[in-house]
Amino acid sequence: MDKDEGAFLTIGELARELGVAQHVLRYWETRFPQLRPLQRSGNRRYYRPRDVEIARRIKDLLNEEGFTVRGAQRLLSGRGGAKAQADRASVAAAAPGIPATPAAAAAPPAAAHPQGELPIGSTPAPAAGGTGQGVRASGQVGASDLALLIARLTVIRQALRDAIGEE
C-alpha cells in the first residue's frame, strides 16, 4: 500500500526511500535546522513533504556532490552560495583538466586520460614555482593537494558508478 504524494512519512519510510539509515536522518536533524519533522507522542517522527525535499537535498549535497556537513549547512542556510562557488572554482584551479563536479566528470577534457585520471603508476609532474601541489618537504599536505585529491576521487567515483550502471 503506497501513500499519497503529500502524505507524511515515518522515519523508516523516508530512510528506505533515500537509502540511508534511520540514525543518519536523526543526525541530520541535529545538524540542519531546516529539517524539523513533526514529533508525536513517543518521539515518533513524521516528515512533511517539505521535510522530505530537504532531506533529499541534504543527501544529494553530502553523497552526490561531495559537500561536507559544514558546507551543506552553509549552502542550505543561504550563507554559502558564493563560498560554494569559490570552493568549486578552487578545485578547478588546483586540478586543471579534472572536472570539479560529478556531472562534469561524464565528459572529460580531450587532453585528459580517457577516464579523466592519471594512468596507474604515474604521478603528476611537480608544478613550477612551488604552487603547493605535491607533498611538501616538511611532509605537510596543502589545500591545493586536498582539492586535487578530491577532484580525482570524484572522477573515480563517477567512473565506478558508470561501470556498474548506477545513476
N, C-alpha and C. Protein backbone atom coordinates (compact mmCIF):
# COMPACT_ATOMS: atom_id res chain seq x y z
N MET A 1 0.84 -1.18 0.00
CA MET A 1 0.00 0.00 0.00
C MET A 1 0.88 1.24 0.00
N ASP A 2 0.87 1.99 -1.10
CA ASP A 2 1.65 3.21 -1.20
C ASP A 2 0.85 4.39 -0.67
N LYS A 3 1.57 5.36 -0.15
CA LYS A 3 0.92 6.56 0.39
C LYS A 3 0.70 7.58 -0.72
N ASP A 4 -0.22 8.49 -0.46
CA ASP A 4 -0.44 9.58 -1.40
C ASP A 4 0.79 10.47 -1.47
N GLU A 5 0.85 11.27 -2.52
CA GLU A 5 2.00 12.14 -2.75
C GLU A 5 2.30 13.08 -1.58
N GLY A 6 1.31 13.68 -0.99
CA GLY A 6 1.52 14.66 0.08
C GLY A 6 1.45 14.10 1.48
N ALA A 7 1.38 12.79 1.61
CA ALA A 7 1.25 12.18 2.94
C ALA A 7 2.54 12.29 3.73
N PHE A 8 2.41 12.35 5.04
CA PHE A 8 3.58 12.38 5.91
C PHE A 8 4.25 11.01 5.89
N LEU A 9 5.57 11.00 6.02
CA LEU A 9 6.32 9.74 6.04
C LEU A 9 6.93 9.53 7.42
N THR A 10 6.97 8.29 7.85
CA THR A 10 7.67 7.98 9.10
C THR A 10 9.16 7.95 8.81
N ILE A 11 9.97 7.90 9.85
CA ILE A 11 11.41 7.89 9.66
C ILE A 11 11.86 6.63 8.90
N GLY A 12 11.20 5.51 9.15
CA GLY A 12 11.54 4.28 8.43
C GLY A 12 11.23 4.37 6.95
N GLU A 13 10.09 4.95 6.62
CA GLU A 13 9.70 5.10 5.22
C GLU A 13 10.65 6.04 4.49
N LEU A 14 11.00 7.16 5.13
CA LEU A 14 11.91 8.10 4.49
C LEU A 14 13.31 7.50 4.36
N ALA A 15 13.76 6.78 5.37
CA ALA A 15 15.07 6.14 5.31
C ALA A 15 15.14 5.16 4.14
N ARG A 16 14.09 4.36 3.95
CA ARG A 16 14.06 3.42 2.82
C ARG A 16 14.06 4.17 1.49
N GLU A 17 13.26 5.23 1.42
CA GLU A 17 13.17 5.99 0.17
C GLU A 17 14.51 6.61 -0.22
N LEU A 18 15.23 7.14 0.77
CA LEU A 18 16.52 7.79 0.50
C LEU A 18 17.69 6.81 0.44
N GLY A 19 17.49 5.63 0.99
CA GLY A 19 18.58 4.67 1.02
C GLY A 19 19.63 4.97 2.08
N VAL A 20 19.19 5.55 3.19
CA VAL A 20 20.09 5.83 4.31
C VAL A 20 19.50 5.20 5.57
N ALA A 21 20.34 5.06 6.59
CA ALA A 21 19.86 4.50 7.86
C ALA A 21 19.06 5.55 8.64
N GLN A 22 18.20 5.08 9.53
CA GLN A 22 17.38 5.99 10.33
C GLN A 22 18.24 6.88 11.21
N HIS A 23 19.33 6.35 11.74
CA HIS A 23 20.18 7.18 12.61
C HIS A 23 20.83 8.32 11.84
N VAL A 24 21.01 8.14 10.53
CA VAL A 24 21.56 9.22 9.71
C VAL A 24 20.56 10.37 9.64
N LEU A 25 19.29 10.05 9.47
CA LEU A 25 18.27 11.10 9.44
C LEU A 25 18.21 11.83 10.78
N ARG A 26 18.31 11.08 11.88
CA ARG A 26 18.31 11.73 13.19
C ARG A 26 19.52 12.64 13.35
N TYR A 27 20.67 12.21 12.84
CA TYR A 27 21.87 13.04 12.89
C TYR A 27 21.68 14.31 12.07
N TRP A 28 21.12 14.17 10.87
CA TRP A 28 20.88 15.35 10.04
C TRP A 28 19.97 16.34 10.75
N GLU A 29 19.01 15.85 11.51
CA GLU A 29 18.11 16.75 12.25
C GLU A 29 18.90 17.60 13.25
N THR A 30 19.97 17.04 13.82
CA THR A 30 20.77 17.80 14.78
C THR A 30 21.66 18.81 14.10
N ARG A 31 22.00 18.60 12.84
CA ARG A 31 22.93 19.47 12.13
C ARG A 31 22.28 20.47 11.19
N PHE A 32 21.07 20.19 10.76
CA PHE A 32 20.40 21.05 9.79
C PHE A 32 19.09 21.54 10.39
N PRO A 33 19.03 22.79 10.84
CA PRO A 33 17.82 23.30 11.47
C PRO A 33 16.62 23.34 10.52
N GLN A 34 16.87 23.29 9.21
CA GLN A 34 15.77 23.30 8.25
C GLN A 34 14.98 21.99 8.29
N LEU A 35 15.61 20.91 8.74
CA LEU A 35 14.98 19.60 8.78
C LEU A 35 14.37 19.39 10.16
N ARG A 36 13.08 19.66 10.27
CA ARG A 36 12.37 19.54 11.55
C ARG A 36 11.06 18.80 11.35
N PRO A 37 11.08 17.48 11.45
CA PRO A 37 9.82 16.74 11.29
C PRO A 37 8.92 16.94 12.50
N LEU A 38 7.65 16.67 12.31
CA LEU A 38 6.73 16.69 13.45
C LEU A 38 7.07 15.52 14.36
N GLN A 39 6.99 15.76 15.66
CA GLN A 39 7.22 14.66 16.61
C GLN A 39 5.98 14.50 17.47
N ARG A 40 5.46 13.31 17.46
CA ARG A 40 4.27 13.00 18.25
C ARG A 40 4.68 12.24 19.50
N SER A 41 3.71 11.74 20.21
CA SER A 41 3.99 11.03 21.46
C SER A 41 4.97 9.88 21.20
N GLY A 42 5.85 9.67 22.15
CA GLY A 42 6.85 8.63 21.99
C GLY A 42 7.96 9.03 21.02
N ASN A 43 8.05 10.32 20.72
CA ASN A 43 9.04 10.87 19.79
C ASN A 43 8.96 10.26 18.39
N ARG A 44 7.79 9.82 17.97
CA ARG A 44 7.64 9.33 16.60
C ARG A 44 7.72 10.51 15.65
N ARG A 45 8.55 10.35 14.64
CA ARG A 45 8.78 11.43 13.69
C ARG A 45 7.89 11.24 12.46
N TYR A 46 7.32 12.36 12.01
CA TYR A 46 6.54 12.36 10.79
C TYR A 46 7.08 13.47 9.90
N TYR A 47 7.59 13.07 8.74
CA TYR A 47 8.21 14.01 7.81
C TYR A 47 7.18 14.52 6.83
N ARG A 48 7.01 15.85 6.82
CA ARG A 48 6.11 16.50 5.88
C ARG A 48 6.77 16.52 4.50
N PRO A 49 6.01 16.80 3.45
CA PRO A 49 6.61 16.84 2.10
C PRO A 49 7.80 17.80 2.02
N ARG A 50 7.72 18.93 2.71
CA ARG A 50 8.85 19.88 2.70
C ARG A 50 10.08 19.26 3.37
N ASP A 51 9.87 18.53 4.47
CA ASP A 51 10.98 17.86 5.15
C ASP A 51 11.60 16.80 4.24
N VAL A 52 10.77 16.11 3.49
CA VAL A 52 11.27 15.08 2.58
C VAL A 52 12.16 15.72 1.52
N GLU A 53 11.73 16.86 0.97
CA GLU A 53 12.54 17.55 -0.03
C GLU A 53 13.87 18.03 0.56
N ILE A 54 13.83 18.55 1.77
CA ILE A 54 15.07 19.00 2.43
C ILE A 54 15.99 17.81 2.66
N ALA A 55 15.45 16.70 3.11
CA ALA A 55 16.28 15.51 3.34
C ALA A 55 16.89 15.01 2.03
N ARG A 56 16.12 15.05 0.94
CA ARG A 56 16.68 14.66 -0.37
C ARG A 56 17.82 15.58 -0.77
N ARG A 57 17.63 16.88 -0.54
CA ARG A 57 18.66 17.86 -0.89
C ARG A 57 19.92 17.64 -0.06
N ILE A 58 19.76 17.37 1.23
CA ILE A 58 20.91 17.11 2.09
C ILE A 58 21.65 15.87 1.61
N LYS A 59 20.91 14.82 1.28
CA LYS A 59 21.54 13.58 0.80
C LYS A 59 22.32 13.86 -0.48
N ASP A 60 21.72 14.60 -1.40
CA ASP A 60 22.42 14.92 -2.65
C ASP A 60 23.69 15.73 -2.40
N LEU A 61 23.59 16.73 -1.53
CA LEU A 61 24.76 17.55 -1.24
C LEU A 61 25.89 16.73 -0.63
N LEU A 62 25.55 15.88 0.33
CA LEU A 62 26.57 15.11 1.03
C LEU A 62 27.08 13.93 0.22
N ASN A 63 26.19 13.17 -0.38
CA ASN A 63 26.59 11.91 -1.01
C ASN A 63 26.86 12.01 -2.50
N GLU A 64 26.23 12.94 -3.18
CA GLU A 64 26.41 13.04 -4.63
C GLU A 64 27.37 14.17 -5.02
N GLU A 65 27.21 15.33 -4.40
CA GLU A 65 28.02 16.48 -4.78
C GLU A 65 29.29 16.61 -3.97
N GLY A 66 29.43 15.80 -2.92
CA GLY A 66 30.68 15.77 -2.17
C GLY A 66 30.88 16.88 -1.16
N PHE A 67 29.82 17.55 -0.75
CA PHE A 67 29.95 18.60 0.25
C PHE A 67 30.20 17.98 1.62
N THR A 68 30.89 18.73 2.47
CA THR A 68 30.99 18.34 3.87
C THR A 68 29.70 18.76 4.56
N VAL A 69 29.51 18.31 5.81
CA VAL A 69 28.31 18.72 6.55
C VAL A 69 28.31 20.23 6.70
N ARG A 70 29.46 20.80 7.05
CA ARG A 70 29.53 22.26 7.22
C ARG A 70 29.23 22.99 5.91
N GLY A 71 29.77 22.49 4.81
CA GLY A 71 29.49 23.13 3.52
C GLY A 71 28.03 23.04 3.14
N ALA A 72 27.42 21.90 3.41
CA ALA A 72 25.99 21.74 3.12
C ALA A 72 25.16 22.65 4.03
N GLN A 73 25.57 22.79 5.29
CA GLN A 73 24.87 23.70 6.20
C GLN A 73 24.91 25.12 5.67
N ARG A 74 26.07 25.55 5.24
CA ARG A 74 26.20 26.91 4.70
C ARG A 74 25.34 27.11 3.47
N LEU A 75 25.36 26.13 2.59
CA LEU A 75 24.59 26.24 1.35
C LEU A 75 23.10 26.30 1.63
N LEU A 76 22.61 25.43 2.52
CA LEU A 76 21.18 25.41 2.83
C LEU A 76 20.73 26.63 3.61
N SER A 77 21.63 27.22 4.40
CA SER A 77 21.24 28.39 5.18
C SER A 77 21.31 29.67 4.34
N GLY A 78 21.85 29.55 3.12
CA GLY A 78 21.94 30.71 2.26
C GLY A 78 23.21 31.52 2.45
N ARG A 79 24.07 31.10 3.38
CA ARG A 79 25.31 31.83 3.62
C ARG A 79 26.43 31.34 2.73
N GLY A 80 26.23 30.22 2.04
CA GLY A 80 27.35 29.61 1.35
C GLY A 80 27.31 29.68 -0.15
N GLY A 81 26.41 30.45 -0.74
CA GLY A 81 26.33 30.48 -2.18
C GLY A 81 27.63 30.86 -2.84
N ALA A 82 28.19 32.00 -2.44
CA ALA A 82 29.45 32.45 -3.02
C ALA A 82 30.60 31.57 -2.58
N LYS A 83 30.56 31.12 -1.33
CA LYS A 83 31.61 30.25 -0.80
C LYS A 83 31.63 28.92 -1.54
N ALA A 84 30.47 28.36 -1.80
CA ALA A 84 30.41 27.09 -2.52
C ALA A 84 30.96 27.25 -3.93
N GLN A 85 30.62 28.35 -4.59
CA GLN A 85 31.16 28.60 -5.92
C GLN A 85 32.67 28.78 -5.87
N ALA A 86 33.16 29.47 -4.84
CA ALA A 86 34.60 29.68 -4.69
C ALA A 86 35.31 28.35 -4.44
N ASP A 87 34.69 27.47 -3.65
CA ASP A 87 35.28 26.16 -3.39
C ASP A 87 35.39 25.36 -4.68
N ARG A 88 34.35 25.36 -5.48
CA ARG A 88 34.40 24.62 -6.74
C ARG A 88 35.41 25.24 -7.69
N ALA A 89 35.51 26.58 -7.69
CA ALA A 89 36.49 27.23 -8.54
C ALA A 89 37.91 26.88 -8.10
N SER A 90 38.14 26.78 -6.78
CA SER A 90 39.48 26.44 -6.31
C SER A 90 39.84 25.01 -6.68
N VAL A 91 38.85 24.11 -6.69
CA VAL A 91 39.12 22.73 -7.11
C VAL A 91 39.50 22.73 -8.59
N ALA A 92 38.77 23.49 -9.38
CA ALA A 92 39.06 23.54 -10.81
C ALA A 92 40.43 24.16 -11.06
N ALA A 93 40.80 25.19 -10.29
CA ALA A 93 42.10 25.83 -10.47
C ALA A 93 43.23 24.91 -10.02
N ALA A 94 43.00 24.15 -8.95
CA ALA A 94 44.04 23.28 -8.42
C ALA A 94 44.22 22.04 -9.27
N ALA A 95 43.20 21.67 -10.00
CA ALA A 95 43.27 20.45 -10.81
C ALA A 95 42.77 20.70 -12.22
N PRO A 96 43.54 21.48 -13.02
CA PRO A 96 43.08 21.74 -14.37
C PRO A 96 42.99 20.44 -15.16
N GLY A 97 41.94 20.32 -15.96
CA GLY A 97 41.75 19.12 -16.75
C GLY A 97 40.98 18.04 -16.02
N ILE A 98 40.71 18.23 -14.72
CA ILE A 98 39.92 17.27 -13.96
C ILE A 98 38.65 17.98 -13.53
N PRO A 99 37.49 17.42 -13.84
CA PRO A 99 36.23 18.10 -13.51
C PRO A 99 36.04 18.30 -12.02
N ALA A 100 35.41 19.43 -11.65
CA ALA A 100 35.20 19.76 -10.24
C ALA A 100 33.91 19.16 -9.71
N THR A 101 33.02 18.71 -10.60
CA THR A 101 31.76 18.13 -10.14
C THR A 101 31.53 16.81 -10.82
N PRO A 102 30.76 15.90 -10.19
CA PRO A 102 30.48 14.62 -10.81
C PRO A 102 29.78 14.76 -12.15
N ALA A 103 28.92 15.76 -12.31
CA ALA A 103 28.21 15.94 -13.57
C ALA A 103 29.19 16.22 -14.70
N ALA A 104 30.23 16.99 -14.40
CA ALA A 104 31.23 17.32 -15.40
C ALA A 104 32.14 16.13 -15.67
N ALA A 105 32.15 15.15 -14.81
CA ALA A 105 33.04 14.00 -14.97
C ALA A 105 32.62 13.14 -16.16
N ALA A 106 31.39 13.26 -16.59
CA ALA A 106 30.91 12.43 -17.70
C ALA A 106 31.61 12.78 -19.00
N ALA A 107 32.09 14.01 -19.13
CA ALA A 107 32.76 14.44 -20.35
C ALA A 107 34.12 15.01 -20.02
N PRO A 108 35.16 14.16 -19.86
CA PRO A 108 36.47 14.67 -19.53
C PRO A 108 37.05 15.47 -20.68
N PRO A 109 37.93 16.42 -20.39
CA PRO A 109 38.53 17.21 -21.44
C PRO A 109 39.36 16.33 -22.38
N ALA A 110 39.53 16.79 -23.61
CA ALA A 110 40.21 15.99 -24.62
C ALA A 110 41.66 15.70 -24.23
N ALA A 111 42.31 16.62 -23.52
CA ALA A 111 43.71 16.43 -23.17
C ALA A 111 43.89 15.46 -22.02
N ALA A 112 42.83 15.13 -21.32
CA ALA A 112 42.93 14.26 -20.16
C ALA A 112 42.97 12.80 -20.60
N HIS A 113 43.36 11.94 -19.69
CA HIS A 113 43.32 10.50 -19.91
C HIS A 113 41.87 10.12 -20.17
N PRO A 114 41.59 9.06 -20.92
CA PRO A 114 40.20 8.72 -21.25
C PRO A 114 39.25 8.66 -20.06
N GLN A 115 39.70 8.23 -18.90
CA GLN A 115 38.83 8.18 -17.74
C GLN A 115 38.96 9.42 -16.88
N GLY A 116 39.78 10.40 -17.26
CA GLY A 116 39.90 11.63 -16.50
C GLY A 116 40.89 11.54 -15.36
N GLU A 117 41.62 10.43 -15.24
CA GLU A 117 42.60 10.32 -14.18
C GLU A 117 43.92 9.88 -14.78
N LEU A 118 44.94 9.93 -13.96
CA LEU A 118 46.26 9.52 -14.41
C LEU A 118 46.32 8.00 -14.54
N PRO A 119 47.11 7.49 -15.48
CA PRO A 119 47.27 6.05 -15.56
C PRO A 119 47.91 5.51 -14.29
N ILE A 120 47.67 4.25 -13.98
CA ILE A 120 48.21 3.64 -12.77
C ILE A 120 49.73 3.72 -12.82
N GLY A 121 50.31 4.10 -11.68
CA GLY A 121 51.77 4.17 -11.56
C GLY A 121 52.36 5.51 -11.93
N SER A 122 51.60 6.39 -12.55
CA SER A 122 52.16 7.69 -12.90
C SER A 122 51.79 8.71 -11.85
N THR A 123 52.61 9.70 -11.71
CA THR A 123 52.35 10.76 -10.74
C THR A 123 52.36 12.08 -11.47
N PRO A 124 51.67 13.09 -10.96
CA PRO A 124 51.65 14.37 -11.64
C PRO A 124 53.02 15.03 -11.59
N ALA A 125 53.34 15.77 -12.63
CA ALA A 125 54.60 16.50 -12.66
C ALA A 125 54.54 17.61 -11.63
N PRO A 126 55.63 17.87 -10.90
CA PRO A 126 55.60 18.93 -9.91
C PRO A 126 55.38 20.28 -10.59
N ALA A 127 54.57 21.10 -9.96
CA ALA A 127 54.26 22.41 -10.51
C ALA A 127 55.45 23.34 -10.33
N ALA A 128 55.69 24.17 -11.31
CA ALA A 128 56.80 25.11 -11.23
C ALA A 128 56.47 26.22 -10.25
N GLY A 129 57.48 26.68 -9.54
CA GLY A 129 57.28 27.81 -8.65
C GLY A 129 56.68 27.44 -7.32
N GLY A 130 56.56 26.18 -6.98
CA GLY A 130 56.05 25.80 -5.66
C GLY A 130 54.64 26.28 -5.42
N THR A 131 53.70 25.89 -6.25
CA THR A 131 52.33 26.35 -6.10
C THR A 131 51.55 25.59 -5.05
N GLY A 132 52.21 24.65 -4.37
CA GLY A 132 51.52 23.94 -3.31
C GLY A 132 51.06 22.57 -3.70
N GLN A 133 51.28 22.18 -4.98
CA GLN A 133 50.86 20.84 -5.36
C GLN A 133 51.96 19.86 -5.00
N GLY A 134 51.55 18.65 -4.62
CA GLY A 134 52.50 17.65 -4.19
C GLY A 134 52.77 17.80 -2.70
N VAL A 135 53.33 16.77 -2.10
CA VAL A 135 53.63 16.83 -0.68
C VAL A 135 54.88 17.66 -0.49
N ARG A 136 54.82 18.58 0.42
CA ARG A 136 55.95 19.47 0.69
C ARG A 136 57.06 18.72 1.40
N ALA A 137 58.24 19.30 1.39
CA ALA A 137 59.40 18.67 2.02
C ALA A 137 59.16 18.45 3.51
N SER A 138 58.34 19.30 4.13
CA SER A 138 58.06 19.14 5.56
C SER A 138 57.08 18.01 5.84
N GLY A 139 56.48 17.44 4.79
CA GLY A 139 55.53 16.35 4.97
C GLY A 139 54.10 16.83 5.11
N GLN A 140 53.87 18.14 5.07
CA GLN A 140 52.52 18.66 5.20
C GLN A 140 51.83 18.65 3.84
N VAL A 141 50.52 18.49 3.88
CA VAL A 141 49.71 18.49 2.67
C VAL A 141 48.96 19.80 2.62
N GLY A 142 49.03 20.49 1.49
CA GLY A 142 48.38 21.79 1.35
C GLY A 142 46.96 21.68 0.87
N ALA A 143 46.27 22.80 0.90
CA ALA A 143 44.86 22.85 0.48
C ALA A 143 44.71 22.48 -0.99
N SER A 144 45.64 22.90 -1.84
CA SER A 144 45.53 22.56 -3.25
C SER A 144 45.74 21.07 -3.47
N ASP A 145 46.58 20.44 -2.61
CA ASP A 145 46.76 18.99 -2.70
C ASP A 145 45.45 18.27 -2.40
N LEU A 146 44.77 18.74 -1.37
CA LEU A 146 43.49 18.12 -1.00
C LEU A 146 42.44 18.35 -2.07
N ALA A 147 42.42 19.55 -2.65
CA ALA A 147 41.46 19.84 -3.71
C ALA A 147 41.70 18.93 -4.90
N LEU A 148 42.97 18.71 -5.24
CA LEU A 148 43.31 17.82 -6.35
C LEU A 148 42.86 16.40 -6.05
N LEU A 149 43.11 15.94 -4.85
CA LEU A 149 42.71 14.59 -4.44
C LEU A 149 41.19 14.43 -4.50
N ILE A 150 40.47 15.42 -4.00
CA ILE A 150 39.00 15.37 -4.02
C ILE A 150 38.49 15.31 -5.46
N ALA A 151 39.09 16.12 -6.32
CA ALA A 151 38.67 16.13 -7.73
C ALA A 151 38.92 14.77 -8.37
N ARG A 152 40.08 14.18 -8.11
CA ARG A 152 40.38 12.87 -8.70
C ARG A 152 39.45 11.79 -8.16
N LEU A 153 39.18 11.83 -6.85
CA LEU A 153 38.27 10.84 -6.27
C LEU A 153 36.86 10.98 -6.83
N THR A 154 36.44 12.19 -7.09
CA THR A 154 35.13 12.43 -7.68
C THR A 154 35.05 11.79 -9.06
N VAL A 155 36.11 11.93 -9.85
CA VAL A 155 36.15 11.33 -11.18
C VAL A 155 36.12 9.81 -11.07
N ILE A 156 36.88 9.27 -10.13
CA ILE A 156 36.92 7.82 -9.94
C ILE A 156 35.55 7.30 -9.51
N ARG A 157 34.89 8.02 -8.58
CA ARG A 157 33.57 7.61 -8.12
C ARG A 157 32.59 7.57 -9.28
N GLN A 158 32.62 8.59 -10.14
CA GLN A 158 31.71 8.62 -11.28
C GLN A 158 32.02 7.49 -12.25
N ALA A 159 33.30 7.20 -12.47
CA ALA A 159 33.68 6.11 -13.37
C ALA A 159 33.18 4.77 -12.83
N LEU A 160 33.27 4.60 -11.51
CA LEU A 160 32.77 3.36 -10.90
C LEU A 160 31.25 3.26 -11.04
N ARG A 161 30.56 4.36 -10.83
CA ARG A 161 29.10 4.35 -10.99
C ARG A 161 28.72 4.00 -12.42
N ASP A 162 29.45 4.59 -13.38
CA ASP A 162 29.16 4.30 -14.79
C ASP A 162 29.44 2.82 -15.08
N ALA A 163 30.49 2.26 -14.49
CA ALA A 163 30.87 0.88 -14.75
C ALA A 163 29.82 -0.11 -14.24
N ILE A 164 29.21 0.22 -13.09
CA ILE A 164 28.22 -0.73 -12.54
C ILE A 164 26.80 -0.35 -12.93
N GLY A 165 26.65 0.73 -13.70
CA GLY A 165 25.33 1.10 -14.19
C GLY A 165 24.46 1.79 -13.18
N GLU A 166 25.04 2.41 -12.17
CA GLU A 166 24.28 3.12 -11.14
C GLU A 166 24.09 4.55 -11.56
N GLU A 167 22.96 5.13 -11.18
CA GLU A 167 22.71 6.54 -11.51
C GLU A 167 22.91 7.43 -10.36
